[in-house]
Amino acid sequence: MITKIDLRESLQIANSETTTETEVFQNETLRPILKLQNDLFLSMFTNYALRQKADFGSLSVSKKQIFIEQSVQKDAVLKNTFIGMTIGMFTLEEMEVYQSDSKVFNKRIITMLIERLKSQIEKK
């Protein structure tokens, strides 16, 4: 049977002696999940943007980036949906790590997701 971990691509990010447990979790769990779920995140945000701002496609790249950042940070429903899409891909063990400091991990998820969306929206 295929597990959730089997679905993820290993990103081969080297950890050093100074890498914290939080950074290890980010590199070994969060980043691969964000990459795996990328198409869903992008589709969801694009749909959201068009509903909220009908002229989203005609905005300049910098205005699109500002809109992405403000939307994901300030719209609690959108933000929580993205966090839910991410933690829904956790194993039980990963959930236990996440629950130990969910506030820090949520911030990291959102920060990485915003950068991911901004880098891809530029291309469209």
C-alpha atoms as a PDB file:
ATOM      1  CA  MET A   1       0.000   0.000   0.000  1.00  0.00           C
ATOM      2  CA  ILE A   2       1.269   3.464  -0.914  1.00  0.00           C
ATOM      3  CA  THR A   3       1.707   5.821   2.034  1.00  0.00           C
ATOM      4  CA  LYS A   4       1.483   9.601   2.142  1.00  0.00           C
ATOM      5  CA  ILE A   5       5.257   9.752   2.402  1.00  0.00           C
ATOM      6  CA  ASP A   6       5.606   7.631  -0.762  1.00  0.00           C
ATOM      7  CA  LEU A   7       3.669  10.298  -2.686  1.00  0.00           C
ATOM      8  CA  ARG A   8       6.184  13.005  -1.826  1.00  0.00           C
ATOM      9  CA  GLU A   9       9.330  13.733  -3.730  1.00  0.00           C
ATOM     10  CA  SER A  10      12.463  13.703  -1.591  1.00  0.00           C
ATOM     11  CA  LEU A  11      14.084  17.123  -1.954  1.00  0.00           C
ATOM     12  CA  GLN A  12      17.535  16.069  -0.718  1.00  0.00           C
ATOM     13  CA  ILE A  13      18.069  19.188   1.389  1.00  0.00           C
ATOM     14  CA  ALA A  14      21.190  18.736   3.454  1.00  0.00           C
ATOM     15  CA  ASN A  15      20.923  19.313   7.186  1.00  0.00           C
ATOM     16  CA  SER A  16      23.961  20.440   9.130  1.00  0.00           C
ATOM     17  CA  GLU A  17      24.811  20.136  12.796  1.00  0.00           C
ATOM     18  CA  THR A  18      23.290  23.567  13.379  1.00  0.00           C
ATOM     19  CA  THR A  19      19.973  22.716  11.700  1.00  0.00           C
ATOM     20  CA  THR A  20      17.163  22.905  14.250  1.00  0.00           C
ATOM     21  CA  GLU A  21      14.428  20.279  14.615  1.00  0.00           C
ATOM     22  CA  THR A  22      11.978  22.848  13.266  1.00  0.00           C
ATOM     23  CA  GLU A  23      14.091  23.340  10.137  1.00  0.00           C
ATOM     24  CA  VAL A  24      14.438  19.583   9.678  1.00  0.00           C
ATOM     25  CA  PHE A  25      10.638  19.212   9.842  1.00  0.00           C
ATOM     26  CA  GLN A  26      10.266  22.085   7.393  1.00  0.00           C
ATOM     27  CA  ASN A  27      12.760  20.573   4.928  1.00  0.00           C
ATOM     28  CA  GLU A  28      11.738  16.935   5.230  1.00  0.00           C
ATOM     29  CA  THR A  29       7.975  17.320   5.627  1.00  0.00           C
ATOM     30  CA  LEU A  30       6.584  20.755   4.808  1.00  0.00           C
ATOM     31  CA  ARG A  31       8.518  21.528   1.627  1.00  0.00           C
ATOM     32  CA  PRO A  32       7.795  18.135  -0.023  1.00  0.00           C
ATOM     33  CA  ILE A  33       4.087  18.473   0.845  1.00  0.00           C
ATOM     34  CA  LEU A  34       3.922  22.005  -0.567  1.00  0.00           C
ATOM     35  CA  LYS A  35       5.572  20.751  -3.745  1.00  0.00           C
ATOM     36  CA  LEU A  36       3.199  17.775  -3.971  1.00  0.00           C
ATOM     37  CA  GLN A  37       0.118  19.949  -3.445  1.00  0.00           C
ATOM     38  CA  ASN A  38       1.392  22.778  -5.652  1.00  0.00           C
ATOM     39  CA  ASP A  39      -1.138  22.397  -8.471  1.00  0.00           C
ATOM     40  CA  LEU A  40      -4.017  22.379  -5.981  1.00  0.00           C
ATOM     41  CA  PHE A  41      -2.702  25.451  -4.151  1.00  0.00           C
ATOM     42  CA  LEU A  42      -2.234  27.320  -7.428  1.00  0.00           C
ATOM     43  CA  SER A  43      -5.671  26.368  -8.749  1.00  0.00           C
ATOM     44  CA  MET A  44      -7.342  27.289  -5.488  1.00  0.00           C
ATOM     45  CA  PHE A  45      -5.624  30.663  -5.282  1.00  0.00           C
ATOM     46  CA  THR A  46      -6.282  31.515  -8.935  1.00  0.00           C
ATOM     47  CA  ASN A  47      -9.979  30.745  -8.448  1.00  0.00           C
ATOM     48  CA  TYR A  48     -10.005  32.809  -5.228  1.00  0.00           C
ATOM     49  CA  ALA A  49      -8.249  35.738  -6.935  1.00  0.00           C
ATOM     50  CA  LEU A  50     -10.712  35.828  -9.821  1.00  0.00           C
ATOM     51  CA  ARG A  51     -13.689  35.768  -7.431  1.00  0.00           C
ATOM     52  CA  GLN A  52     -12.233  38.532  -5.252  1.00  0.00           C
ATOM     53  CA  LYS A  53     -10.709  40.680  -7.960  1.00  0.00           C
ATOM     54  CA  ALA A  54     -12.230  40.263 -11.403  1.00  0.00           C
ATOM     55  CA  ASP A  55      -9.335  42.163 -13.017  1.00  0.00           C
ATOM     56  CA  PHE A  56      -6.632  40.045 -11.319  1.00  0.00           C
ATOM     57  CA  GLY A  57      -5.258  38.870 -14.671  1.00  0.00           C
ATOM     58  CA  SER A  58      -4.655  42.423 -15.840  1.00  0.00           C
ATOM     59  CA  LEU A  59      -2.789  43.555 -12.713  1.00  0.00           C
ATOM     60  CA  SER A  60       0.947  44.218 -12.864  1.00  0.00           C
ATOM     61  CA  VAL A  61       3.228  41.564 -11.423  1.00  0.00           C
ATOM     62  CA  SER A  62       3.973  43.696  -8.352  1.00  0.00           C
ATOM     63  CA  LYS A  63       0.263  44.294  -7.672  1.00  0.00           C
ATOM     64  CA  LYS A  64      -0.431  40.579  -8.068  1.00  0.00           C
ATOM     65  CA  GLN A  65       2.312  39.811  -5.555  1.00  0.00           C
ATOM     66  CA  ILE A  66       0.895  42.311  -3.059  1.00  0.00           C
ATOM     67  CA  PHE A  67      -2.581  40.834  -3.555  1.00  0.00           C
ATOM     68  CA  ILE A  68      -1.252  37.298  -2.973  1.00  0.00           C
ATOM     69  CA  GLU A  69       0.567  38.277   0.201  1.00  0.00           C
ATOM     70  CA  GLN A  70      -2.323  40.257   1.666  1.00  0.00           C
ATOM     71  CA  SER A  71      -4.940  37.672   0.727  1.00  0.00           C
ATOM     72  CA  VAL A  72      -3.152  34.668   2.173  1.00  0.00           C
ATOM     73  CA  GLN A  73      -2.158  36.509   5.353  1.00  0.00           C
ATOM     74  CA  LYS A  74      -5.413  38.341   6.034  1.00  0.00           C
ATOM     75  CA  ASP A  75      -8.176  36.058   4.723  1.00  0.00           C
ATOM     76  CA  ALA A  76      -8.548  33.573   7.588  1.00  0.00           C
ATOM     77  CA  VAL A  77     -10.673  31.132   5.579  1.00  0.00           C
ATOM     78  CA  LEU A  78      -8.161  31.003   2.721  1.00  0.00           C
ATOM     79  CA  LYS A  79      -5.205  30.779   5.092  1.00  0.00           C
ATOM     80  CA  ASN A  80      -6.788  27.992   7.143  1.00  0.00           C
ATOM     81  CA  THR A  81      -7.786  26.110   4.003  1.00  0.00           C
ATOM     82  CA  PHE A  82      -4.174  26.135   2.796  1.00  0.00           C
ATOM     83  CA  ILE A  83      -2.929  25.032   6.219  1.00  0.00           C
ATOM     84  CA  GLY A  84      -5.556  22.266   6.258  1.00  0.00           C
ATOM     85  CA  MET A  85      -4.530  21.083   2.792  1.00  0.00           C
ATOM     86  CA  THR A  86      -0.970  20.817   4.092  1.00  0.00           C
ATOM     87  CA  ILE A  87      -1.605  19.080   7.409  1.00  0.00           C
ATOM     88  CA  GLY A  88      -4.029  16.710   5.716  1.00  0.00           C
ATOM     89  CA  MET A  89      -0.967  15.138   4.097  1.00  0.00           C
ATOM     90  CA  PHE A  90       0.789  14.495   7.446  1.00  0.00           C
ATOM     91  CA  THR A  91       1.346  11.072   8.906  1.00  0.00           C
ATOM     92  CA  LEU A  92       0.358  10.530  12.539  1.00  0.00           C
ATOM     93  CA  GLU A  93       3.984  10.994  13.634  1.00  0.00           C
ATOM     94  CA  GLU A  94       4.277  14.236  11.652  1.00  0.00           C
ATOM     95  CA  MET A  95       1.044  15.473  13.194  1.00  0.00           C
ATOM     96  CA  GLU A  96       2.521  14.977  16.643  1.00  0.00           C
ATOM     97  CA  VAL A  97       5.569  17.066  15.698  1.00  0.00           C
ATOM     98  CA  TYR A  98       3.302  19.719  14.147  1.00  0.00           C
ATOM     99  CA  GLN A  99       1.112  19.885  17.254  1.00  0.00           C
ATOM    100  CA  SER A 100       4.146  20.490  19.445  1.00  0.00           C
ATOM    101  CA  ASP A 101       4.531  23.963  17.899  1.00  0.00           C
ATOM    102  CA  SER A 102       1.681  24.491  15.445  1.00  0.00           C
ATOM    103  CA  LYS A 103       1.890  28.282  15.542  1.00  0.00           C
ATOM    104  CA  VAL A 104       5.508  28.273  14.298  1.00  0.00           C
ATOM    105  CA  PHE A 105       4.772  25.624  11.671  1.00  0.00           C
ATOM    106  CA  ASN A 106       1.678  27.473  10.423  1.00  0.00           C
ATOM    107  CA  LYS A 107       3.759  30.609   9.948  1.00  0.00           C
ATOM    108  CA  ARG A 108       6.365  28.638   8.015  1.00  0.00           C
ATOM    109  CA  ILE A 109       3.696  26.982   5.843  1.00  0.00           C
ATOM    110  CA  ILE A 110       2.135  30.333   4.963  1.00  0.00           C
ATOM    111  CA  THR A 111       5.479  32.050   4.315  1.00  0.00           C
ATOM    112  CA  MET A 112       6.651  29.285   1.969  1.00  0.00           C
ATOM    113  CA  LEU A 113       3.268  29.092   0.268  1.00  0.00           C
ATOM    114  CA  ILE A 114       3.169  32.844  -0.398  1.00  0.00           C
ATOM    115  CA  GLU A 115       6.635  32.707  -1.986  1.00  0.00           C
ATOM    116  CA  ARG A 116       5.631  29.668  -4.036  1.00  0.00           C
ATOM    117  CA  LEU A 117       2.460  31.375  -5.319  1.00  0.00           C
ATOM    118  CA  LYS A 118       4.239  34.649  -6.052  1.00  0.00           C
ATOM    119  CA  SER A 119       6.951  32.922  -8.094  1.00  0.00           C
ATOM    120  CA  GLN A 120       4.375  31.091 -10.210  1.00  0.00           C
ATOM    121  CA  ILE A 121       1.858  33.885 -10.707  1.00  0.00           C
ATOM    122  CA  GLU A 122       4.633  35.952 -12.316  1.00  0.00           C
ATOM    123  CA  LYS A 123       4.847  33.374 -15.105  1.00  0.00           C
ATOM    124  CA  LYS A 124       1.159  33.640 -15.961  1.00  0.00           C
END
